Every structure is written in C-alpha cells, then in structure tokens.
Amino acid sequence: MGTDSMLIAEISDPFCLAAGEAQALLAGHPWHRFAILGDSVAEGLTEPVDGYHPLAFPDRVRVELARHRPGLEHRNLGRRNLRAAEVLATQLDPALAFRPDLALVICGANDAMRPGYESRADAVDATLTALIRPLQDAGARVVTVSLFVMPDYPSMPAWLGPAFSRRMRLLGRRTTALAETLGTIHVDLAAHPAIGAGDVLTGADGLHGNARSHAIAAAEMIRRLSREIQGA
C-alpha cells in the first residue's frame, strides 16, 4: 500500500502495523468474498495525514486480504449519514445477494450521536441483530467494531449536547456486549490507548477519523482476524 519511505510515520507508529506485518498475520486466511456494510466509516470517509496511507481502514483490510487471495471479491455498501435502520433497509439484501464469507458491519453511531439515544438503545441493538444474524445464517463470519470515543468533541454542533461522548461510550459498550451475544469477530476501539496519548485522531470536522486513526483501526482488525485464523 505504498513505499516505506512514503509511510515512515505509519510504520514507526507503535499502534500501527510494521512493514510486512499484515502479510504475516493474514497468511492462510480462508475468505474469498468480503462485504462491508454501514455508515460513513464503512464507506471510508477520512482525511489525509502526512506519513500515513490515505486508504480508509475497510479498504486497507481488503487490500491486505487480497494479497493472499488475488481473486478476492468485495463489495462496499457503506453510505454516510445512515442510521442503523437505514443500513438494514438498504444494504442487507444486496449483501446477502453477494454471498460473502466475511462481512464487516459498522453502524449505530448516527443513532448514538443524537440526544435521546439512551431511550432508543434497545431498538438500535435489535436492528443490529437483525442485520448481523442473517449474514451469519448465510455463512458469513461477521466483524463488528466499537469505534474510537474521544474525551470530547468540541467541533460538534451545540444541538448534539454536552453528553455526546457519553452516548458514544454507551454505544461502544452495547456493541461489545452484543458482539459477545451474537458471536461476532469484534474489534473494540472505544478505549484504545491512542486516545489517551493526546494525539489527534479526527479530521477537520472533529468527528470522522483521520488517516492515522484508520491505520490504527486496520491494524487492530487485522490482528483480530489473525487470532480468528489461528483459532485463538
């Protein structure tokens, strides 16, 4: 995904993968058809950072999977601004028609960011379950993600309220619990140590991850997939 000289910051970042590490971690992986469902994170909305590859993390994972499966087929159905129910309504059927054996599902943040999420959280969980179960029943291993949660979001509109971070942390906890119940391959980024390091992980909008956060997310997902491959 680029020369080492171009990615010097990334390959020296302690939270990212070293050069060649992804290839070793994914060696012998069993997947041939990779589907991506969700909102703007799934779609790949990000912002460049010098020294880091600009690809968003779902596409980074796809590229690394394809190194071992040159014929890997993929379909990214992710679209920005969608709530979980909209992802279910518009993306599940196309995903099932694609017949994936690996599916990445990332949504719920557009539900949680809005005031009142606490009273809707059970319904969001039910929607996520309705999205994940059919993919599993069709034979796909499903990957779920609890996203990075910043201590605060000063660039966010005032109408979202001062409890924005609290709602996002609640989504992270509930997504992790749901993953355990459903038996997904789960990547928990909500309390990742990079957050506490004081580094900037968001782009100019103050919400979506920048290239460094996507590099870290890709590293964590690839490491988690490696444990799955090894049966750990």
Protein backbone atom coordinates (compact mmCIF):
# COMPACT_ATOMS: atom_id res chain seq x y z
CA MET A 1 0.00 0.00 0.00
CA GLY A 2 2.81 2.40 -0.79
CA THR A 3 6.54 2.55 -0.24
CA ASP A 4 8.09 2.51 3.22
CA SER A 5 9.61 5.95 2.59
CA MET A 6 6.13 7.37 1.98
CA LEU A 7 4.71 5.76 5.12
CA ILE A 8 7.56 6.43 7.51
CA ALA A 9 5.29 7.83 10.24
CA GLU A 10 2.93 4.90 9.98
CA ILE A 11 5.48 2.10 10.09
CA SER A 12 7.15 3.69 13.11
CA ASP A 13 3.84 4.30 14.91
CA PRO A 14 3.62 1.89 17.87
CA PHE A 15 -0.12 1.47 17.35
CA CYS A 16 0.15 0.59 13.65
CA LEU A 17 1.45 -2.44 11.78
CA ALA A 18 5.12 -2.73 10.92
CA ALA A 19 6.14 -3.19 7.30
CA GLY A 20 5.13 -6.68 6.16
CA GLU A 21 3.28 -7.49 9.39
CA ALA A 22 -0.16 -7.66 7.81
CA GLN A 23 1.03 -10.22 5.28
CA ALA A 24 2.32 -12.46 8.05
CA LEU A 25 -0.79 -12.05 10.18
CA LEU A 26 -3.25 -12.90 7.39
CA ALA A 27 -1.28 -15.77 5.84
CA GLY A 28 -3.59 -18.66 5.01
CA HIS A 29 -6.81 -16.77 5.66
CA PRO A 30 -9.93 -18.59 4.38
CA TRP A 31 -12.02 -15.73 3.00
CA HIS A 32 -12.95 -15.19 -0.65
CA ARG A 33 -15.86 -12.71 -0.59
CA PHE A 34 -15.73 -9.62 1.63
CA ALA A 35 -18.77 -7.37 2.17
CA ILE A 36 -18.75 -4.03 4.00
CA LEU A 37 -21.98 -2.60 5.40
CA GLY A 38 -22.66 0.54 7.36
CA ASP A 39 -22.35 4.29 7.52
CA SER A 40 -19.61 6.81 6.73
CA VAL A 41 -16.93 4.76 8.49
CA ALA A 42 -17.77 1.77 6.31
CA GLU A 43 -17.92 3.98 3.24
CA GLY A 44 -14.40 5.16 4.03
CA LEU A 45 -14.73 8.83 4.94
CA THR A 46 -11.34 10.01 6.19
CA GLU A 47 -8.76 12.79 5.90
CA PRO A 48 -5.06 12.55 4.90
CA VAL A 49 -2.21 12.72 7.41
CA ASP A 50 1.38 13.03 6.24
CA GLY A 51 3.27 9.77 6.53
CA TYR A 52 0.16 7.56 6.63
CA HIS A 53 -1.53 5.72 3.79
CA PRO A 54 -4.73 7.58 2.78
CA LEU A 55 -6.93 4.49 2.37
CA ALA A 56 -9.73 4.09 4.91
CA PHE A 57 -9.49 1.08 7.16
CA PRO A 58 -12.10 -1.17 5.47
CA ASP A 59 -10.26 -0.76 2.18
CA ARG A 60 -6.89 -1.28 3.84
CA VAL A 61 -8.14 -4.59 5.22
CA ARG A 62 -9.49 -5.53 1.80
CA VAL A 63 -6.11 -4.85 0.17
CA GLU A 64 -4.29 -6.98 2.73
CA LEU A 65 -6.80 -9.83 2.40
CA ALA A 66 -6.34 -9.74 -1.37
CA ARG A 67 -2.58 -10.21 -1.05
CA HIS A 68 -3.26 -13.80 -0.04
CA ARG A 69 -6.38 -14.21 -2.20
CA PRO A 70 -5.71 -12.39 -5.51
CA GLY A 71 -9.21 -13.36 -6.63
CA LEU A 72 -10.85 -11.89 -3.52
CA GLU A 73 -14.16 -10.29 -4.41
CA HIS A 74 -15.54 -7.45 -2.35
CA ARG A 75 -18.48 -5.11 -2.18
CA ASN A 76 -18.62 -1.93 -0.12
CA LEU A 77 -22.23 -0.92 0.51
CA GLY A 78 -21.42 1.69 3.16
CA ARG A 79 -23.01 5.13 2.84
CA ARG A 80 -22.59 8.17 5.05
CA ASN A 81 -25.29 9.62 7.33
CA LEU A 82 -27.26 6.38 7.64
CA ARG A 83 -28.78 5.22 10.90
CA ALA A 84 -28.82 1.51 11.71
CA ALA A 85 -32.38 1.01 10.47
CA GLU A 86 -31.48 2.60 7.15
CA VAL A 87 -28.46 0.33 6.79
CA LEU A 88 -30.71 -2.65 7.46
CA ALA A 89 -33.32 -1.48 4.95
CA THR A 90 -30.92 -0.68 2.10
CA GLN A 91 -27.86 -2.88 2.49
CA LEU A 92 -28.77 -6.27 3.94
CA ASP A 93 -30.45 -7.68 0.82
CA PRO A 94 -27.62 -6.63 -1.54
CA ALA A 95 -25.09 -8.02 0.92
CA LEU A 96 -26.87 -11.37 1.10
CA ALA A 97 -27.12 -11.48 -2.69
CA PHE A 98 -23.33 -11.01 -2.83
CA ARG A 99 -22.90 -14.16 -0.67
CA PRO A 100 -19.99 -13.01 1.49
CA ASP A 101 -17.99 -15.33 3.70
CA LEU A 102 -16.65 -12.31 5.62
CA ALA A 103 -18.74 -9.22 6.39
CA LEU A 104 -17.77 -6.03 8.22
CA VAL A 105 -20.73 -4.24 9.85
CA ILE A 106 -20.21 -0.71 11.19
CA CYS A 107 -23.23 1.38 12.14
CA GLY A 108 -25.08 2.83 15.09
CA ALA A 109 -23.02 5.99 15.56
CA ASN A 110 -25.57 8.13 13.73
CA ASP A 111 -28.16 6.85 16.20
CA ALA A 112 -25.98 7.35 19.27
CA MET A 113 -24.75 10.82 18.45
CA ARG A 114 -28.23 12.30 18.75
CA PRO A 115 -29.82 13.21 22.10
CA GLY A 116 -32.25 10.56 23.32
CA TYR A 117 -30.15 7.59 22.20
CA GLU A 118 -30.34 6.14 25.70
CA SER A 119 -34.08 5.54 25.29
CA ARG A 120 -33.58 4.10 21.80
CA ALA A 121 -30.57 1.90 22.54
CA ASP A 122 -32.55 -1.35 22.82
CA ALA A 123 -34.15 -0.70 19.44
CA VAL A 124 -30.75 0.02 17.88
CA ASP A 125 -29.41 -3.25 19.32
CA ALA A 126 -32.39 -5.09 17.87
CA THR A 127 -31.74 -3.52 14.47
CA LEU A 128 -28.07 -4.51 14.58
CA THR A 129 -29.10 -8.04 15.49
CA ALA A 130 -31.49 -8.11 12.52
CA LEU A 131 -28.58 -7.03 10.32
CA ILE A 132 -25.99 -9.44 11.67
CA ARG A 133 -27.96 -12.66 12.18
CA PRO A 134 -28.98 -13.18 8.53
CA LEU A 135 -25.38 -12.70 7.42
CA GLN A 136 -24.26 -15.31 9.93
CA ASP A 137 -27.07 -17.66 8.94
CA ALA A 138 -25.93 -17.34 5.31
CA GLY A 139 -22.44 -18.49 6.28
CA ALA A 140 -20.53 -15.23 6.77
CA ARG A 141 -18.20 -14.50 9.64
CA VAL A 142 -19.27 -11.05 10.78
CA VAL A 143 -16.87 -8.43 12.12
CA THR A 144 -18.26 -5.72 14.40
CA VAL A 145 -16.49 -2.61 15.69
CA SER A 146 -16.81 -0.36 18.72
CA LEU A 147 -15.42 2.91 17.40
CA PHE A 148 -12.89 5.27 18.98
CA VAL A 149 -14.55 7.54 21.53
CA MET A 150 -12.87 10.89 22.12
CA PRO A 151 -12.99 12.54 25.58
CA ASP A 152 -14.81 15.45 23.96
CA TYR A 153 -15.91 16.66 20.54
CA PRO A 154 -15.51 20.46 20.62
CA SER A 155 -16.23 20.86 16.91
CA MET A 156 -19.65 19.24 17.12
CA PRO A 157 -22.81 21.39 16.86
CA ALA A 158 -24.25 22.54 20.17
CA TRP A 159 -27.57 20.80 19.48
CA LEU A 160 -25.89 17.43 19.89
CA GLY A 161 -25.48 18.24 23.55
CA PRO A 162 -22.63 18.02 26.08
CA ALA A 163 -23.30 14.30 26.62
CA PHE A 164 -22.10 13.37 23.11
CA SER A 165 -19.06 11.45 24.39
CA ARG A 166 -21.17 9.66 27.00
CA ARG A 167 -23.61 8.44 24.35
CA MET A 168 -20.78 7.25 22.13
CA ARG A 169 -19.23 5.34 25.05
CA LEU A 170 -22.61 3.74 25.71
CA LEU A 171 -22.81 2.65 22.07
CA GLY A 172 -19.33 1.15 22.38
CA ARG A 173 -20.25 -0.85 25.48
CA ARG A 174 -23.50 -2.06 23.99
CA THR A 175 -21.87 -3.02 20.69
CA THR A 176 -19.22 -5.01 22.55
CA ALA A 177 -21.89 -6.78 24.62
CA LEU A 178 -23.96 -7.50 21.51
CA ALA A 179 -20.89 -8.91 19.77
CA GLU A 180 -20.38 -11.35 22.62
CA THR A 181 -24.02 -12.42 22.48
CA LEU A 182 -24.01 -12.89 18.71
CA GLY A 183 -20.53 -14.39 18.46
CA THR A 184 -19.06 -11.87 16.03
CA ILE A 185 -15.38 -11.17 15.46
CA HIS A 186 -15.23 -7.98 17.48
CA VAL A 187 -12.77 -5.09 17.35
CA ASP A 188 -13.07 -2.81 20.38
CA LEU A 189 -11.51 0.60 19.73
CA ALA A 190 -13.61 2.62 22.18
CA ALA A 191 -10.89 2.89 24.83
CA HIS A 192 -7.85 2.33 22.62
CA PRO A 193 -4.63 3.66 24.22
CA ALA A 194 -4.07 6.00 21.27
CA ILE A 195 -6.99 8.05 22.57
CA GLY A 196 -5.25 8.75 25.85
CA ALA A 197 -1.97 9.65 24.17
CA GLY A 198 -3.32 13.11 23.37
CA ASP A 199 -2.83 12.70 19.63
CA VAL A 200 -5.31 13.99 17.05
CA LEU A 201 -7.33 11.11 15.61
CA THR A 202 -10.10 13.08 13.90
CA GLY A 203 -10.20 15.17 10.76
CA ALA A 204 -11.22 18.78 10.30
CA ASP A 205 -14.88 18.04 11.05
CA GLY A 206 -13.91 16.92 14.54
CA LEU A 207 -15.84 13.67 14.21
CA HIS A 208 -14.61 11.34 11.47
CA GLY A 209 -11.29 9.62 11.82
CA ASN A 210 -8.19 10.82 10.02
CA ALA A 211 -5.70 8.59 8.22
CA ARG A 212 -3.85 7.77 11.41
CA SER A 213 -6.99 6.54 13.17
CA HIS A 214 -7.82 4.43 10.11
CA ALA A 215 -4.31 2.97 10.15
CA ILE A 216 -4.76 2.03 13.81
CA ALA A 217 -8.23 0.59 13.19
CA ALA A 218 -6.91 -1.50 10.28
CA ALA A 219 -4.08 -2.79 12.46
CA GLU A 220 -6.49 -3.84 15.20
CA MET A 221 -8.86 -5.53 12.77
CA ILE A 222 -6.04 -7.41 11.03
CA ARG A 223 -4.67 -8.55 14.39
CA ARG A 224 -8.14 -9.72 15.41
CA LEU A 225 -8.62 -11.56 12.12
CA SER A 226 -5.24 -13.21 12.66
CA ARG A 227 -6.40 -14.55 16.02
CA GLU A 228 -9.51 -15.88 14.30
CA ILE A 229 -7.39 -17.60 11.66
CA GLN A 230 -5.25 -19.19 14.37
CA GLY A 231 -8.33 -20.27 16.30
CA ALA A 232 -7.35 -18.23 19.34
